[in-house]
Amino acid sequence: MSHDPSGLDMDLSSGIAAFESKQFSRATGLLSPLAEQGNVEAQYRMAIMAQNGLGMLPNPLLAYSYMKAAATAGLGLAQHGLAFMYMQGECTDKNPAKAIEWFRKAAEQGLVGSLTTLALMYEEGHGVEKDQEEANRLYRLAGFDER
């Protein structure tokens, strides 16, 4: 792999293209070194592949580690993914309070899926006190009519 910025960009673009076209073994080879160097886009995709065993054996610890790193760095999709890991207890212990925290961060970045999931959690009282008013507010923010 090249160490000049254009080479890194090319490796990232090629890795993302391989990921998008479901060439997961190739994507892993291209994205793994970038993820190790802290590239959040690479970390996010490596997390998905490690979580689901795409192009590699399933690796929950690696999936959680990369998803958390990309989420902490501010990548909205990774924040949403990490929230789901906490909500479902997948790749980490189930923790509804942390799920709420990360869904909220992703929602602040405008991710409609995170807003909707948060609304549902408030509506059902999952991880938070049941609060239909807050659920309705979040549904409206997500572009839905109140329930």
C-alpha atoms as a PDB file:
ATOM      1  CA  MET A   1       0.000   0.000   0.000  1.00  0.00           C
ATOM      2  CA  SER A   2       1.200   3.473  -0.842  1.00  0.00           C
ATOM      3  CA  HIS A   3       1.843   5.983   1.932  1.00  0.00           C
ATOM      4  CA  ASP A   4       1.028   9.092  -0.066  1.00  0.00           C
ATOM      5  CA  PRO A   5      -2.431  10.640   0.513  1.00  0.00           C
ATOM      6  CA  SER A   6      -3.667   9.934  -3.017  1.00  0.00           C
ATOM      7  CA  GLY A   7      -2.679   6.279  -2.598  1.00  0.00           C
ATOM      8  CA  LEU A   8      -4.618   6.114   0.678  1.00  0.00           C
ATOM      9  CA  ASP A   9      -7.621   7.722  -0.998  1.00  0.00           C
ATOM     10  CA  MET A  10      -7.389   5.215  -3.836  1.00  0.00           C
ATOM     11  CA  ASP A  11      -7.177   2.284  -1.401  1.00  0.00           C
ATOM     12  CA  LEU A  12     -10.166   3.638   0.539  1.00  0.00           C
ATOM     13  CA  SER A  13     -12.203   4.203  -2.630  1.00  0.00           C
ATOM     14  CA  SER A  14     -11.296   0.749  -3.939  1.00  0.00           C
ATOM     15  CA  GLY A  15     -12.074  -0.840  -0.571  1.00  0.00           C
ATOM     16  CA  ILE A  16     -15.457   0.873  -0.356  1.00  0.00           C
ATOM     17  CA  ALA A  17     -16.227  -0.108  -3.961  1.00  0.00           C
ATOM     18  CA  ALA A  18     -15.327  -3.732  -3.168  1.00  0.00           C
ATOM     19  CA  PHE A  19     -17.529  -3.588  -0.042  1.00  0.00           C
ATOM     20  CA  GLU A  20     -20.458  -2.092  -1.974  1.00  0.00           C
ATOM     21  CA  SER A  21     -20.153  -4.744  -4.687  1.00  0.00           C
ATOM     22  CA  LYS A  22     -20.032  -7.497  -2.043  1.00  0.00           C
ATOM     23  CA  GLN A  23     -16.406  -8.478  -2.799  1.00  0.00           C
ATOM     24  CA  PHE A  24     -15.810  -8.776   0.935  1.00  0.00           C
ATOM     25  CA  SER A  25     -12.464 -10.615   0.869  1.00  0.00           C
ATOM     26  CA  ARG A  26     -11.021  -7.896  -1.376  1.00  0.00           C
ATOM     27  CA  ALA A  27     -12.639  -5.181   0.769  1.00  0.00           C
ATOM     28  CA  THR A  28     -11.098  -6.682   3.903  1.00  0.00           C
ATOM     29  CA  GLY A  29      -7.637  -6.684   2.333  1.00  0.00           C
ATOM     30  CA  LEU A  30      -7.928  -3.037   1.282  1.00  0.00           C
ATOM     31  CA  LEU A  31      -9.751  -1.636   4.302  1.00  0.00           C
ATOM     32  CA  SER A  32      -8.082  -3.498   7.166  1.00  0.00           C
ATOM     33  CA  PRO A  33      -4.794  -1.529   7.054  1.00  0.00           C
ATOM     34  CA  LEU A  34      -6.717   1.752   6.801  1.00  0.00           C
ATOM     35  CA  ALA A  35      -8.942   0.789   9.728  1.00  0.00           C
ATOM     36  CA  GLU A  36      -5.844   0.005  11.783  1.00  0.00           C
ATOM     37  CA  GLN A  37      -4.564   3.509  10.966  1.00  0.00           C
ATOM     38  CA  GLY A  38      -7.799   5.023  12.309  1.00  0.00           C
ATOM     39  CA  ASN A  39      -9.757   5.724   9.116  1.00  0.00           C
ATOM     40  CA  VAL A  40     -13.383   5.867  10.323  1.00  0.00           C
ATOM     41  CA  GLU A  41     -14.958   4.899   6.978  1.00  0.00           C
ATOM     42  CA  ALA A  42     -12.730   1.815   6.853  1.00  0.00           C
ATOM     43  CA  GLN A  43     -13.398   1.029  10.534  1.00  0.00           C
ATOM     44  CA  TYR A  44     -17.166   1.193   9.997  1.00  0.00           C
ATOM     45  CA  ARG A  45     -17.094  -1.203   7.050  1.00  0.00           C
ATOM     46  CA  MET A  46     -14.628  -3.539   8.769  1.00  0.00           C
ATOM     47  CA  ALA A  47     -16.983  -3.620  11.770  1.00  0.00           C
ATOM     48  CA  ILE A  48     -19.899  -4.683   9.567  1.00  0.00           C
ATOM     49  CA  MET A  49     -17.840  -7.397   7.887  1.00  0.00           C
ATOM     50  CA  ALA A  50     -16.468  -8.678  11.211  1.00  0.00           C
ATOM     51  CA  GLN A  51     -19.935  -8.630  12.783  1.00  0.00           C
ATOM     52  CA  ASN A  52     -21.534 -10.590   9.953  1.00  0.00           C
ATOM     53  CA  GLY A  53     -18.633 -12.807   8.888  1.00  0.00           C
ATOM     54  CA  LEU A  54     -18.305 -11.225   5.452  1.00  0.00           C
ATOM     55  CA  GLY A  55     -14.911 -11.920   3.868  1.00  0.00           C
ATOM     56  CA  MET A  56     -13.692 -13.258   7.221  1.00  0.00           C
ATOM     57  CA  LEU A  57     -14.865 -15.381  10.106  1.00  0.00           C
ATOM     58  CA  PRO A  58     -17.297 -13.550  12.404  1.00  0.00           C
ATOM     59  CA  ASN A  59     -15.288 -11.610  14.980  1.00  0.00           C
ATOM     60  CA  PRO A  60     -17.575  -9.889  17.528  1.00  0.00           C
ATOM     61  CA  LEU A  61     -14.678  -8.328  19.447  1.00  0.00           C
ATOM     62  CA  LEU A  62     -13.163  -6.779  16.308  1.00  0.00           C
ATOM     63  CA  ALA A  63     -16.626  -5.659  15.142  1.00  0.00           C
ATOM     64  CA  TYR A  64     -17.343  -3.908  18.447  1.00  0.00           C
ATOM     65  CA  SER A  65     -13.865  -2.377  18.612  1.00  0.00           C
ATOM     66  CA  TYR A  66     -14.048  -0.872  15.114  1.00  0.00           C
ATOM     67  CA  MET A  67     -17.691   0.223  15.444  1.00  0.00           C
ATOM     68  CA  LYS A  68     -16.956   1.953  18.753  1.00  0.00           C
ATOM     69  CA  ALA A  69     -13.842   3.666  17.360  1.00  0.00           C
ATOM     70  CA  ALA A  70     -15.730   5.001  14.310  1.00  0.00           C
ATOM     71  CA  ALA A  71     -18.708   6.039  16.477  1.00  0.00           C
ATOM     72  CA  THR A  72     -16.482   7.832  18.973  1.00  0.00           C
ATOM     73  CA  ALA A  73     -14.806   9.644  16.068  1.00  0.00           C
ATOM     74  CA  GLY A  74     -18.257  10.981  15.119  1.00  0.00           C
ATOM     75  CA  LEU A  75     -19.374   8.837  12.164  1.00  0.00           C
ATOM     76  CA  GLY A  76     -23.192   8.873  12.355  1.00  0.00           C
ATOM     77  CA  LEU A  77     -23.702   5.467  10.732  1.00  0.00           C
ATOM     78  CA  ALA A  78     -21.255   3.930  13.199  1.00  0.00           C
ATOM     79  CA  GLN A  79     -23.054   5.623  16.104  1.00  0.00           C
ATOM     80  CA  HIS A  80     -26.290   4.071  14.850  1.00  0.00           C
ATOM     81  CA  GLY A  81     -24.580   0.678  14.434  1.00  0.00           C
ATOM     82  CA  LEU A  82     -23.051   0.817  17.912  1.00  0.00           C
ATOM     83  CA  ALA A  83     -26.436   1.758  19.384  1.00  0.00           C
ATOM     84  CA  PHE A  84     -27.954  -1.339  17.778  1.00  0.00           C
ATOM     85  CA  MET A  85     -25.156  -3.490  19.176  1.00  0.00           C
ATOM     86  CA  TYR A  86     -26.014  -2.219  22.671  1.00  0.00           C
ATOM     87  CA  MET A  87     -29.768  -2.530  22.086  1.00  0.00           C
ATOM     88  CA  GLN A  88     -29.564  -6.110  20.775  1.00  0.00           C
ATOM     89  CA  GLY A  89     -26.661  -7.290  22.914  1.00  0.00           C
ATOM     90  CA  GLU A  90     -24.762  -8.163  19.753  1.00  0.00           C
ATOM     91  CA  CYS A  91     -20.929  -8.075  19.918  1.00  0.00           C
ATOM     92  CA  THR A  92     -21.242  -6.546  23.392  1.00  0.00           C
ATOM     93  CA  ASP A  93     -23.442  -6.764  26.473  1.00  0.00           C
ATOM     94  CA  LYS A  94     -27.004  -5.534  26.116  1.00  0.00           C
ATOM     95  CA  ASN A  95     -27.172  -2.002  27.526  1.00  0.00           C
ATOM     96  CA  PRO A  96     -30.344  -0.022  26.716  1.00  0.00           C
ATOM     97  CA  ALA A  97     -28.990   3.151  28.380  1.00  0.00           C
ATOM     98  CA  LYS A  98     -25.902   3.139  26.132  1.00  0.00           C
ATOM     99  CA  ALA A  99     -28.121   2.326  23.142  1.00  0.00           C
ATOM    100  CA  ILE A 100     -30.178   5.454  23.879  1.00  0.00           C
ATOM    101  CA  GLU A 101     -27.007   7.533  24.247  1.00  0.00           C
ATOM    102  CA  TRP A 102     -25.623   6.442  20.858  1.00  0.00           C
ATOM    103  CA  PHE A 103     -28.979   6.605  19.030  1.00  0.00           C
ATOM    104  CA  ARG A 104     -29.272  10.174  20.342  1.00  0.00           C
ATOM    105  CA  LYS A 105     -25.816  11.074  18.972  1.00  0.00           C
ATOM    106  CA  ALA A 106     -26.677   9.605  15.570  1.00  0.00           C
ATOM    107  CA  ALA A 107     -30.078  11.321  15.615  1.00  0.00           C
ATOM    108  CA  GLU A 108     -28.361  14.662  16.263  1.00  0.00           C
ATOM    109  CA  GLN A 109     -26.601  14.102  12.948  1.00  0.00           C
ATOM    110  CA  GLY A 110     -29.963  13.706  11.237  1.00  0.00           C
ATOM    111  CA  LEU A 111     -30.161   9.926  10.876  1.00  0.00           C
ATOM    112  CA  VAL A 112     -33.873   9.251  10.516  1.00  0.00           C
ATOM    113  CA  GLY A 113     -33.493   5.588  11.492  1.00  0.00           C
ATOM    114  CA  SER A 114     -31.961   6.635  14.806  1.00  0.00           C
ATOM    115  CA  LEU A 115     -34.731   9.173  15.457  1.00  0.00           C
ATOM    116  CA  THR A 116     -37.359   6.541  14.691  1.00  0.00           C
ATOM    117  CA  THR A 117     -35.718   3.904  16.887  1.00  0.00           C
ATOM    118  CA  LEU A 118     -35.397   6.428  19.734  1.00  0.00           C
ATOM    119  CA  ALA A 119     -39.070   7.329  19.336  1.00  0.00           C
ATOM    120  CA  LEU A 120     -40.022   3.675  19.538  1.00  0.00           C
ATOM    121  CA  MET A 121     -37.877   3.176  22.653  1.00  0.00           C
ATOM    122  CA  TYR A 122     -39.616   6.124  24.359  1.00  0.00           C
ATOM    123  CA  GLU A 123     -42.999   4.854  23.214  1.00  0.00           C
ATOM    124  CA  GLU A 124     -42.349   1.388  24.655  1.00  0.00           C
ATOM    125  CA  GLY A 125     -40.293   2.483  27.675  1.00  0.00           C
ATOM    126  CA  HIS A 126     -37.317   0.416  26.511  1.00  0.00           C
ATOM    127  CA  GLY A 127     -34.181   1.695  28.272  1.00  0.00           C
ATOM    128  CA  VAL A 128     -35.926   4.930  29.221  1.00  0.00           C
ATOM    129  CA  GLU A 129     -39.012   6.016  31.111  1.00  0.00           C
ATOM    130  CA  LYS A 130     -42.063   5.572  28.883  1.00  0.00           C
ATOM    131  CA  ASP A 131     -42.802   9.038  27.440  1.00  0.00           C
ATOM    132  CA  GLN A 132     -45.364   9.328  24.632  1.00  0.00           C
ATOM    133  CA  GLU A 133     -44.810  13.098  24.298  1.00  0.00           C
ATOM    134  CA  GLU A 134     -41.084  12.594  23.660  1.00  0.00           C
ATOM    135  CA  ALA A 135     -41.880   9.708  21.291  1.00  0.00           C
ATOM    136  CA  ASN A 136     -44.248  11.958  19.333  1.00  0.00           C
ATOM    137  CA  ARG A 137     -41.664  14.765  19.210  1.00  0.00           C
ATOM    138  CA  LEU A 138     -39.052  12.364  17.841  1.00  0.00           C
ATOM    139  CA  TYR A 139     -41.474  10.875  15.298  1.00  0.00           C
ATOM    140  CA  ARG A 140     -42.241  14.415  14.059  1.00  0.00           C
ATOM    141  CA  LEU A 141     -38.498  15.175  13.781  1.00  0.00           C
ATOM    142  CA  ALA A 142     -38.119  11.985  11.743  1.00  0.00           C
ATOM    143  CA  GLY A 143     -40.855  13.205   9.388  1.00  0.00           C
ATOM    144  CA  PHE A 144     -43.689  10.982  10.606  1.00  0.00           C
ATOM    145  CA  ASP A 145     -47.084  11.950  11.929  1.00  0.00           C
ATOM    146  CA  GLU A 146     -47.679  11.301  15.628  1.00  0.00           C
ATOM    147  CA  ARG A 147     -48.866   7.863  16.545  1.00  0.00           C
END
